[in-house]
Amino acid sequence: MPGPLLTEVIADLEEELTPTRTYKLNFETKRITESIDGVEASRQYVYKVLSTERASFAIYGTDEGINYGVELQRFIGRPFSFISSDIERTVSEALLQDERILAIKDFVIGEPINDTLEVSFTVSTLYGDIKISEEATI
C-alpha cells in the first residue's frame, strides 16, 4: 500500500504551521509600514529575538512556555574562551523555538578586536536561508 504523496504531506504540514504574515517594522522610522510573510517575516523574527534579552520584559516572560529572546547579557565582560564555547548554543536555542526555523549552521566567531566580536551564521528556514553577521561589544 503506497504512502501519501509528498504534496499531500507538505499541504498537511502547511496547515499546521503558525501563519507567518506579520507587520513589517521599519527600525529606522520606528513605524509599521506594511505586512510581510515568508523569509522576510522570518528575518524580522530573527532580528527581534536577537535584540531582546530573554525575560527582561514581563510580556516576554517564561510563564506558560513563553521563552522569547536570547540570553546575551551574561557574555558581557566574560573571556573570549567562555563566549566562544557557548554563544552558538545560546543563539541556536533562542532561534530554534520557532517552527519555521529548521537549523542554525555555518556559525563563525571572529577573534575579538578592541572588545568587539563578530559573529556570523546562517539560519535555515522553511522559506530559505538567512545570512546573519553582527558585531557586538564584549
Protein backbone atom coordinates (compact mmCIF):
# COMPACT_ATOMS: atom_id res chain seq x y z
CA MET A 1 0.00 0.00 0.00
CA PRO A 2 1.70 3.25 -1.09
CA GLY A 3 2.09 6.12 1.38
CA PRO A 4 0.76 9.65 0.95
CA LEU A 5 2.09 11.78 -1.87
CA LEU A 6 4.75 14.32 -0.97
CA THR A 7 2.41 17.16 -1.97
CA GLU A 8 -0.21 15.84 0.48
CA VAL A 9 2.34 15.70 3.30
CA ILE A 10 3.51 19.26 2.56
CA ALA A 11 -0.09 20.52 2.39
CA ASP A 12 -0.82 18.93 5.79
CA LEU A 13 2.34 20.46 7.26
CA GLU A 14 1.50 23.92 5.93
CA GLU A 15 -1.95 23.75 7.53
CA GLU A 16 -0.42 23.00 10.93
CA LEU A 17 2.18 25.81 10.85
CA THR A 18 1.60 29.10 12.57
CA PRO A 19 0.85 31.79 9.97
CA THR A 20 3.88 33.93 9.16
CA ARG A 21 2.10 37.07 7.96
CA THR A 22 3.06 39.87 10.32
CA TYR A 23 3.56 43.61 10.39
CA LYS A 24 6.80 44.92 8.91
CA LEU A 25 8.70 47.06 11.37
CA ASN A 26 10.77 49.89 9.95
CA PHE A 27 13.55 50.08 12.53
CA GLU A 28 14.79 53.46 11.29
CA THR A 29 11.47 55.31 11.47
CA LYS A 30 10.06 53.09 14.26
CA ARG A 31 6.85 52.64 12.28
CA ILE A 32 4.83 49.73 11.00
CA THR A 33 4.86 50.15 7.24
CA GLU A 34 3.10 47.13 5.70
CA SER A 35 2.71 43.40 6.17
CA ILE A 36 5.29 40.75 5.33
CA ASP A 37 5.40 36.98 5.04
CA GLY A 38 7.79 34.10 4.40
CA VAL A 39 11.53 34.67 4.52
CA GLU A 40 11.18 38.40 5.22
CA ALA A 41 8.97 37.69 8.25
CA SER A 42 11.48 35.07 9.42
CA ARG A 43 14.35 37.57 9.04
CA GLN A 44 12.45 40.09 11.16
CA TYR A 45 11.76 37.39 13.77
CA VAL A 46 15.50 36.58 13.98
CA TYR A 47 16.38 40.25 14.36
CA LYS A 48 13.76 40.78 17.07
CA VAL A 49 14.77 37.68 19.07
CA LEU A 50 18.46 38.60 18.93
CA SER A 51 17.60 42.17 20.01
CA THR A 52 15.55 41.10 23.03
CA GLU A 53 17.16 39.92 26.25
CA ARG A 54 15.22 36.89 27.46
CA ALA A 55 12.81 37.56 30.36
CA SER A 56 13.74 41.26 30.51
CA PHE A 57 10.15 42.36 29.87
CA ALA A 58 7.04 40.94 31.53
CA ILE A 59 5.39 40.35 28.15
CA TYR A 60 8.32 38.09 27.17
CA GLY A 61 8.43 36.21 30.49
CA THR A 62 8.68 32.47 30.91
CA ASP A 63 5.09 31.83 32.04
CA GLU A 64 3.13 29.25 30.08
CA GLY A 65 6.06 28.33 27.87
CA ILE A 66 6.78 31.86 26.65
CA ASN A 67 10.53 32.00 26.31
CA TYR A 68 11.14 34.82 23.83
CA GLY A 69 14.54 36.41 23.37
CA VAL A 70 18.13 35.38 23.94
CA GLU A 71 20.43 35.47 26.95
CA LEU A 72 23.36 37.57 25.72
CA GLN A 73 24.00 39.89 28.67
CA ARG A 74 25.73 37.07 30.52
CA PHE A 75 28.55 37.25 27.94
CA ILE A 76 29.43 40.89 28.62
CA GLY A 77 32.83 41.17 30.28
CA ARG A 78 33.50 37.43 30.04
CA PRO A 79 36.66 35.98 28.50
CA PHE A 80 36.62 35.04 24.82
CA SER A 81 37.07 31.36 25.71
CA PHE A 82 33.76 31.37 27.61
CA ILE A 83 31.92 33.25 24.85
CA SER A 84 33.23 31.07 22.04
CA SER A 85 32.30 27.89 23.91
CA ASP A 86 28.65 28.83 24.49
CA ILE A 87 27.43 31.51 22.10
CA GLU A 88 26.39 29.11 19.32
CA ARG A 89 24.28 27.03 21.71
CA THR A 90 22.70 30.14 23.23
CA VAL A 91 21.74 31.67 19.87
CA SER A 92 20.54 28.35 18.43
CA GLU A 93 18.40 27.60 21.46
CA ALA A 94 16.72 31.01 21.20
CA LEU A 95 16.01 30.83 17.47
CA LEU A 96 15.01 27.18 17.13
CA GLN A 97 11.90 27.73 19.25
CA ASP A 98 10.14 28.95 16.12
CA GLU A 99 8.77 26.12 13.98
CA ARG A 100 9.73 27.97 10.78
CA ILE A 101 13.42 27.72 11.65
CA LEU A 102 14.96 24.40 10.70
CA ALA A 103 18.63 24.84 11.63
CA ILE A 104 21.41 27.23 12.54
CA LYS A 105 24.55 26.48 10.53
CA ASP A 106 27.90 27.85 9.42
CA PHE A 107 28.42 29.52 12.80
CA VAL A 108 31.66 31.56 12.80
CA ILE A 109 33.04 33.56 15.71
CA GLY A 110 35.80 36.01 14.83
CA GLU A 111 38.69 36.83 17.11
CA PRO A 112 37.91 39.83 19.32
CA ILE A 113 39.34 43.16 18.18
CA ASN A 114 39.29 46.03 20.71
CA ASP A 115 36.44 44.45 22.70
CA THR A 116 34.40 43.87 19.53
CA LEU A 117 33.42 40.41 18.39
CA GLU A 118 31.95 39.48 15.03
CA VAL A 119 29.56 36.54 14.83
CA SER A 120 28.06 35.20 11.63
CA PHE A 121 25.81 32.25 10.85
CA THR A 122 23.08 31.07 8.53
CA VAL A 123 19.50 30.49 9.64
CA SER A 124 17.77 27.83 7.55
CA THR A 125 14.01 28.40 7.42
CA LEU A 126 11.11 26.78 5.63
CA TYR A 127 11.28 29.72 3.21
CA GLY A 128 15.01 29.88 2.54
CA ASP A 129 18.33 30.71 4.19
CA ILE A 130 19.04 33.96 6.03
CA LYS A 131 22.66 35.04 6.47
CA ILE A 132 23.33 36.92 9.71
CA SER A 133 26.50 38.86 10.53
CA GLU A 134 26.62 41.01 13.65
CA GLU A 135 29.24 42.78 15.74
CA ALA A 136 28.93 43.03 19.49
CA THR A 137 30.92 44.72 22.24
CA ILE A 138 32.12 42.22 24.80
